Protein backbone atom coordinates (compact mmCIF):
# COMPACT_ATOMS: atom_id res chain seq x y z
CA MET A 1 -34.31 30.93 19.54
CA GLU A 2 -36.12 28.52 17.05
CA GLN A 3 -33.62 26.80 14.80
CA SER A 4 -34.53 26.15 11.19
CA ILE A 5 -32.67 25.08 7.91
CA ARG A 6 -34.13 25.92 4.52
CA ARG A 7 -33.08 26.34 0.69
CA LEU A 8 -31.89 30.19 0.17
CA ALA A 9 -33.72 32.31 -2.31
CA LEU A 10 -32.83 35.74 -3.79
CA GLU A 11 -34.68 37.53 -1.10
CA ASP A 12 -32.19 36.15 1.56
CA LEU A 13 -29.17 38.15 0.17
CA PRO A 14 -29.47 40.74 2.91
CA CYS A 15 -29.35 37.92 5.46
CA LEU A 16 -26.11 36.56 4.07
CA GLU A 17 -24.63 40.29 3.81
CA ALA A 18 -25.48 40.63 7.66
CA MET A 19 -23.46 37.67 8.61
CA GLU A 20 -20.01 38.16 10.26
CA THR A 21 -17.96 35.59 8.75
CA GLY A 22 -14.52 37.26 8.77
CA ILE A 23 -14.14 37.11 5.09
CA GLU A 24 -13.39 40.47 3.51
CA ASP A 25 -14.24 39.85 -0.05
CA ASP A 26 -16.74 37.03 -0.11
CA TYR A 27 -17.22 35.54 -3.45
CA VAL A 28 -20.23 33.88 -2.40
CA LYS A 29 -22.00 37.04 -2.17
CA ARG A 30 -20.94 38.10 -5.73
CA ILE A 31 -22.33 35.04 -7.28
CA PHE A 32 -25.13 34.46 -5.01
CA LYS A 33 -27.76 35.03 -7.68
CA ARG A 34 -26.49 32.29 -9.75
CA LEU A 35 -26.06 29.90 -6.81
CA VAL A 36 -29.56 30.30 -5.92
CA THR A 37 -31.22 30.50 -9.46
CA THR A 38 -29.23 28.05 -11.69
CA GLU A 39 -30.41 24.24 -11.91
CA ASN A 40 -26.95 22.74 -10.83
CA ASN A 41 -26.49 24.81 -7.63
CA ARG A 42 -28.11 24.66 -4.36
CA LEU A 43 -27.62 26.82 -1.31
CA TYR A 44 -29.04 26.28 2.24
CA GLY A 45 -29.00 28.30 5.47
CA LEU A 46 -29.31 27.42 9.03
CA PHE A 47 -31.25 30.15 10.86
CA LEU A 48 -31.73 30.78 14.58
CA GLY A 49 -34.84 33.04 14.51
CA GLU A 50 -34.60 35.24 11.84
CA ARG A 51 -30.85 35.26 11.84
CA LEU A 52 -28.70 33.61 9.36
CA THR A 53 -25.71 31.85 11.16
CA SER A 54 -24.37 29.20 8.66
CA VAL A 55 -24.54 28.63 5.01
CA CYS A 56 -23.62 25.61 2.82
CA GLY A 57 -24.54 24.42 -0.51
CA TYR A 58 -23.60 21.78 -3.43
CA THR A 59 -23.07 21.81 -7.14
CA THR A 60 -23.62 18.95 -9.24
CA PHE A 61 -21.11 17.64 -11.93
CA ALA A 62 -21.45 15.03 -14.72
CA GLY A 63 -24.95 14.17 -13.73
CA HIS A 64 -23.86 11.90 -10.91
CA TYR A 65 -21.51 13.91 -8.44
CA ALA A 66 -22.40 16.42 -5.94
CA MET A 67 -19.63 18.70 -4.49
CA ILE A 68 -20.58 20.52 -1.07
CA GLY A 69 -18.95 23.80 -0.57
CA ARG A 70 -19.52 27.54 0.22
CA ILE A 71 -19.36 26.74 3.84
CA ARG A 72 -19.77 29.96 5.93
CA SER A 73 -20.48 30.55 9.55
CA ASP A 74 -21.18 33.67 11.54
CA ILE A 75 -18.34 34.12 13.95
CA ARG A 76 -20.95 35.23 16.85
CA PHE A 77 -22.45 31.68 16.57
CA ARG A 78 -19.40 29.33 16.21
CA GLY A 79 -18.83 26.57 18.72
CA LYS A 80 -22.32 25.44 18.60
CA ASP A 81 -21.85 22.77 15.88
CA LEU A 82 -24.18 24.57 13.48
CA ALA A 83 -22.10 24.08 10.38
CA THR A 84 -21.90 20.33 10.99
CA GLN A 85 -25.57 20.16 11.23
CA LEU A 86 -26.19 22.16 8.07
CA THR A 87 -23.58 20.18 6.07
CA LEU A 88 -25.25 17.06 7.27
CA HIS A 89 -28.59 18.37 5.89
CA VAL A 90 -27.03 19.39 2.58
CA ARG A 91 -25.32 15.97 2.23
CA ASP A 92 -28.87 14.37 2.76
CA GLU A 93 -30.52 16.80 0.30
CA ALA A 94 -27.98 16.15 -2.56
CA PHE A 95 -28.55 12.23 -1.78
CA LYS A 96 -32.48 12.94 -2.43
CA LEU A 97 -31.51 13.43 -6.12
CA PRO A 98 -31.82 9.96 -7.50
CA HIS A 99 -29.18 10.43 -10.14
CA ILE A 100 -26.62 11.46 -7.61
CA GLN A 101 -24.17 8.48 -6.82
CA TRP A 102 -21.24 10.44 -4.80
CA VAL A 103 -21.12 13.53 -2.54
CA GLY A 104 -18.11 15.08 -1.46
CA ALA A 105 -16.24 18.26 -0.38
CA ASN A 106 -12.79 19.65 -0.99
CA THR A 107 -10.84 21.44 1.85
CA GLN A 108 -7.35 22.52 2.42
CA GLU A 109 -5.20 20.23 4.60
CA GLU A 110 -4.49 22.80 7.06
CA ASN A 111 -8.43 23.66 7.64
CA LEU A 112 -8.70 21.27 10.66
CA ALA A 113 -12.14 22.64 11.72
CA ALA A 114 -13.58 21.91 8.16
CA ARG A 115 -12.05 18.49 8.14
CA ARG A 116 -13.46 17.74 11.42
CA VAL A 117 -16.96 18.70 10.16
CA LEU A 118 -16.66 16.40 7.08
CA GLU A 119 -15.51 13.54 9.11
CA LYS A 120 -18.41 13.82 11.65
CA ASN A 121 -20.67 13.59 8.59
CA GLY A 122 -19.15 10.35 7.49
CA PHE A 123 -16.95 11.57 4.71
CA SER A 124 -13.78 9.63 3.90
CA SER A 125 -10.62 11.45 2.73
CA TYR A 126 -8.55 10.95 -0.41
CA PRO A 127 -4.76 11.66 -0.87
CA PRO A 128 -3.88 15.36 -0.87
CA LEU A 129 -3.32 17.18 -4.00
CA TYR A 130 -1.66 20.66 -4.63
CA GLY A 131 -3.59 23.09 -6.69
CA ALA A 132 -0.22 24.26 -8.62
CA ILE A 133 -0.61 27.37 -10.61
CA ALA A 134 2.15 28.82 -12.84
CA LYS A 135 2.43 31.30 -15.83
CA ASP A 136 5.98 30.43 -16.79
CA LEU A 137 7.69 27.01 -17.56
CA SER A 138 11.05 28.28 -18.71
CA LYS A 139 12.77 26.51 -15.80
CA LEU A 140 11.32 23.19 -16.79
CA VAL A 141 11.35 23.02 -20.70
CA SER A 142 14.46 22.17 -22.72
CA ASP A 143 14.85 21.08 -26.21
CA GLY A 144 12.61 18.09 -25.92
CA ILE A 145 10.03 17.10 -28.74
CA PRO A 146 6.41 17.77 -27.84
CA TRP A 147 4.42 14.24 -27.56
CA LYS A 148 2.03 12.87 -30.06
CA GLU A 149 -1.53 14.23 -30.03
CA LEU A 150 -4.27 11.34 -29.93
CA HIS A 151 -7.49 12.19 -31.73
CA GLY A 152 -9.68 9.14 -31.47
CA LEU A 153 -12.23 8.67 -28.92
CA LYS A 154 -11.48 5.12 -28.42
CA GLU A 155 -7.61 5.88 -27.72
CA LYS A 156 -8.61 8.53 -25.14
CA GLN A 157 -11.24 6.17 -23.44
CA ALA A 158 -8.61 3.36 -23.27
CA TRP A 159 -6.21 5.63 -21.27
CA LEU A 160 -9.10 6.81 -19.03
CA ASP A 161 -10.48 3.15 -18.50
CA LYS A 162 -6.83 1.91 -17.59
CA LEU A 163 -5.83 4.74 -15.22
CA TYR A 164 -8.99 5.96 -13.60
CA ILE A 165 -12.15 4.06 -14.19
CA ARG A 166 -10.71 0.48 -13.37
CA THR A 167 -8.91 2.06 -10.29
CA GLY A 168 -11.44 4.69 -8.95
CA GLU A 169 -8.59 7.14 -8.74
CA VAL A 170 -9.19 11.01 -8.22
CA PHE A 171 -9.62 12.63 -11.56
CA PRO A 172 -9.19 16.40 -11.69
CA TYR A 173 -12.48 17.03 -13.72
CA GLU A 174 -12.12 20.84 -13.23
CA CYS A 175 -9.80 23.39 -11.58
CA TYR A 176 -10.82 22.94 -7.83
CA TYR A 177 -13.09 20.01 -8.54
CA PRO A 178 -11.57 16.51 -8.53
CA PHE A 179 -13.75 13.41 -8.20
CA PRO A 180 -12.90 9.73 -7.87
CA ALA A 181 -13.48 8.50 -11.27
CA SER A 182 -16.42 6.49 -12.94
CA LYS A 183 -17.53 6.21 -16.27
CA GLU A 184 -19.98 9.07 -15.96
CA LEU A 185 -17.18 11.43 -15.83
CA PHE A 186 -16.06 10.82 -19.14
CA SER A 187 -18.72 11.73 -21.80
CA ASP A 188 -17.70 11.49 -25.53
CA ALA A 189 -18.53 15.54 -25.60
CA LYS A 190 -15.83 15.91 -22.96
CA LEU A 191 -13.41 13.56 -24.69
CA ALA A 192 -13.69 15.45 -27.70
CA GLU A 193 -12.90 18.70 -25.87
CA TRP A 194 -9.82 17.39 -24.15
CA SER A 195 -6.51 16.91 -25.66
CA PHE A 196 -4.60 13.82 -25.02
CA TYR A 197 -0.91 13.41 -25.70
CA GLU A 198 1.12 10.03 -25.64
CA ASN A 199 4.98 9.82 -25.22
CA PRO A 200 6.90 8.06 -27.82
CA SER A 201 7.09 4.72 -25.97
CA GLY A 202 3.20 4.67 -25.42
CA SER A 203 3.97 4.31 -21.73
CA ARG A 204 2.58 7.86 -20.52
CA VAL A 205 -0.14 10.17 -21.39
CA LEU A 206 -0.71 13.75 -20.77
CA ILE A 207 -4.26 15.36 -20.75
CA THR A 208 -4.82 19.03 -21.22
CA LYS A 209 -8.07 21.17 -21.12
CA GLN A 210 -9.16 24.58 -21.12
CA ASP A 211 -10.92 25.99 -17.98
CA PHE A 212 -12.19 29.23 -16.63
CA LYS A 213 -12.48 30.19 -12.91
CA LYS A 214 -12.39 34.03 -12.96
CA ASP A 215 -9.33 33.71 -15.02
CA TYR A 216 -8.12 31.33 -17.81
CA TYR A 217 -6.43 28.16 -17.14
CA LEU A 218 -4.71 25.26 -19.05
CA HIS A 219 -5.53 22.37 -16.85
CA ALA A 220 -2.79 19.77 -17.41
CA ILE A 221 -3.26 16.19 -15.95
CA TYR A 222 -0.33 14.01 -15.78
CA PRO A 223 -0.88 10.91 -13.34
CA TRP A 224 2.57 9.56 -12.75
CA ASP A 225 5.33 10.66 -10.07
CA ASP A 226 8.20 11.30 -12.68
CA PRO A 227 7.30 14.46 -14.35
CA MET A 228 10.90 15.44 -14.47
CA GLU A 229 12.13 12.26 -16.11
CA GLN A 230 9.84 12.47 -19.27
CA GLU A 231 11.26 14.13 -22.13
CA GLY A 232 9.04 16.45 -23.87
CA LEU A 233 6.39 16.47 -21.21
CA TRP A 234 6.92 20.19 -20.27
CA GLU A 235 7.44 21.26 -24.07
CA THR A 236 3.95 19.64 -24.86
CA ILE A 237 2.28 21.43 -21.72
CA SER A 238 4.04 24.80 -22.92
CA ALA A 239 2.80 24.59 -26.48
CA ASP A 240 -0.79 24.06 -25.39
CA PHE A 241 -0.37 26.94 -22.87
CA ASN A 242 1.06 29.41 -25.46
CA GLU A 243 -1.77 28.56 -27.71
CA LEU A 244 -4.44 29.23 -25.14
CA ALA A 245 -2.80 32.51 -24.13
CA SER A 246 -2.83 33.69 -27.85
CA GLN A 247 -6.45 32.60 -28.04
CA THR A 248 -7.70 34.30 -24.97
CA LYS A 249 -5.46 37.54 -25.19
CA GLU A 250 -6.01 37.80 -21.43
CA ALA A 251 -4.05 36.56 -18.33
CA ALA A 252 -4.05 32.95 -18.36
CA SER A 253 -2.10 30.26 -16.10
CA ILE A 254 -1.22 26.63 -16.09
CA TRP A 255 -3.09 24.47 -13.48
CA MET A 256 -1.89 21.10 -12.22
CA ASP A 257 -3.06 18.86 -9.53
CA LEU A 258 0.10 17.67 -8.18
CA THR A 259 0.60 14.86 -5.60
CA LYS A 260 3.21 15.60 -2.84
CA ASP A 261 5.62 13.30 -4.57
CA GLN A 262 5.12 15.11 -7.97
CA ALA A 263 5.74 18.52 -6.09
CA GLN A 264 8.84 17.43 -4.24
CA SER A 265 10.16 16.17 -7.91
CA LEU A 266 10.37 19.93 -9.10
CA PRO A 267 13.51 21.28 -9.37
CA ASP A 268 14.69 24.52 -7.37
CA GLY A 269 13.59 27.69 -9.08
CA HIS A 270 10.52 26.25 -10.59
CA SER A 271 7.66 28.76 -11.03
CA PHE A 272 4.81 26.73 -9.54
CA LYS A 273 2.84 28.35 -6.53
CA LEU A 274 2.13 25.48 -4.24
CA PRO A 275 -0.38 26.55 -1.62
CA SER A 276 -1.66 24.25 1.18
CA PRO A 277 -2.61 20.91 -0.39
CA TRP A 278 -6.36 20.09 -0.78
CA LEU A 279 -7.96 17.08 0.69
CA LEU A 280 -10.94 15.64 -1.03
CA HIS A 281 -13.60 14.02 1.17
CA GLY A 282 -16.62 11.98 0.00
CA ILE A 283 -19.03 9.25 0.41
CA TRP A 284 -20.74 6.95 -2.38
CA ARG A 285 -24.36 6.49 -2.20
CA LYS A 286 -23.93 2.56 -1.30
CA GLU A 287 -21.98 3.49 1.78
CA TYR A 288 -24.37 6.20 2.57
CA ASN A 289 -27.49 3.87 2.32
CA ASN A 290 -25.55 1.39 4.33
CA LYS A 291 -24.80 3.86 7.06
CA ASN A 292 -28.29 4.97 7.24
CA ALA A 293 -29.58 1.45 7.46
CA GLU A 294 -27.17 0.93 10.31
CA PHE A 295 -28.44 4.01 12.07
CA SER A 296 -32.12 2.88 11.63
CA ALA A 297 -31.29 -0.49 12.95
CA LEU A 298 -29.53 0.90 16.16
CA ALA A 299 -32.58 3.30 16.65
CA VAL A 300 -34.98 0.36 16.54
CA SER A 301 -33.08 -1.65 18.83
CA SER A 302 -32.73 1.53 21.28
CA GLU A 303 -36.64 1.68 21.20
CA ASP A 304 -37.03 -1.96 21.88
CA ARG A 305 -34.96 -1.70 25.03
CA THR A 306 -36.95 1.08 26.34
């Protein structure tokens, strides 16, 4: 059968619904219209003849990042490397956008098949993070005093510059979507929305922001491995969470992207759910261009030998 890859459109929904992916309630079907019609989303399909066998797409963030995801394969066609081919195509399509400087994907640590696909496509991995979720911090709070909030953009930017921009550390930009930091992630508009809290000694900072991914979340970011040693930290998170819950009057949770060391430091009886940690993979445009140049040079060399 003839193989082809193309961007999906609204009329391709029946093809998606005909796939046998083993996913009982696939959210991609529910949000298919948004994925194929909104400006920051793209969804592609690999077809064998008229049959859709694999799906993959990307979403752009902060104008400079593209996150690959929604990878689906028809179980009747697995083992043919189709998902690898499609992911490679989607990566190349994302880098055709001149403003995109980094392309990546996030998969659970235990998903060895997805990790192999990404590694085959030249993606490097970052340290794993737990997407830890809780609704109750009563086991962690005591009588500590909440930290002082910082309101100035310069103060917020100074912390981000020190912790993330200079180091290139992974920053949890949204729930489910961490990125290696660059100044493009931190617009003044975002800093005005996010809350920053500094401990009394000025040696630690907590960042909180509201997010919505089907449910409401207080996204709390604390980039040190000593969360149980910082008096007032959990009281600060709890106060922000209670405010969010009162505003939304709907189900809300706390989301924290925890390193393995942070997760291990939590006491027995804590209320965080710790699913399999996520592994971020990605490639910067400069590295992508260098790899393509090397491939082209090898191809020319091979042609010369023949």
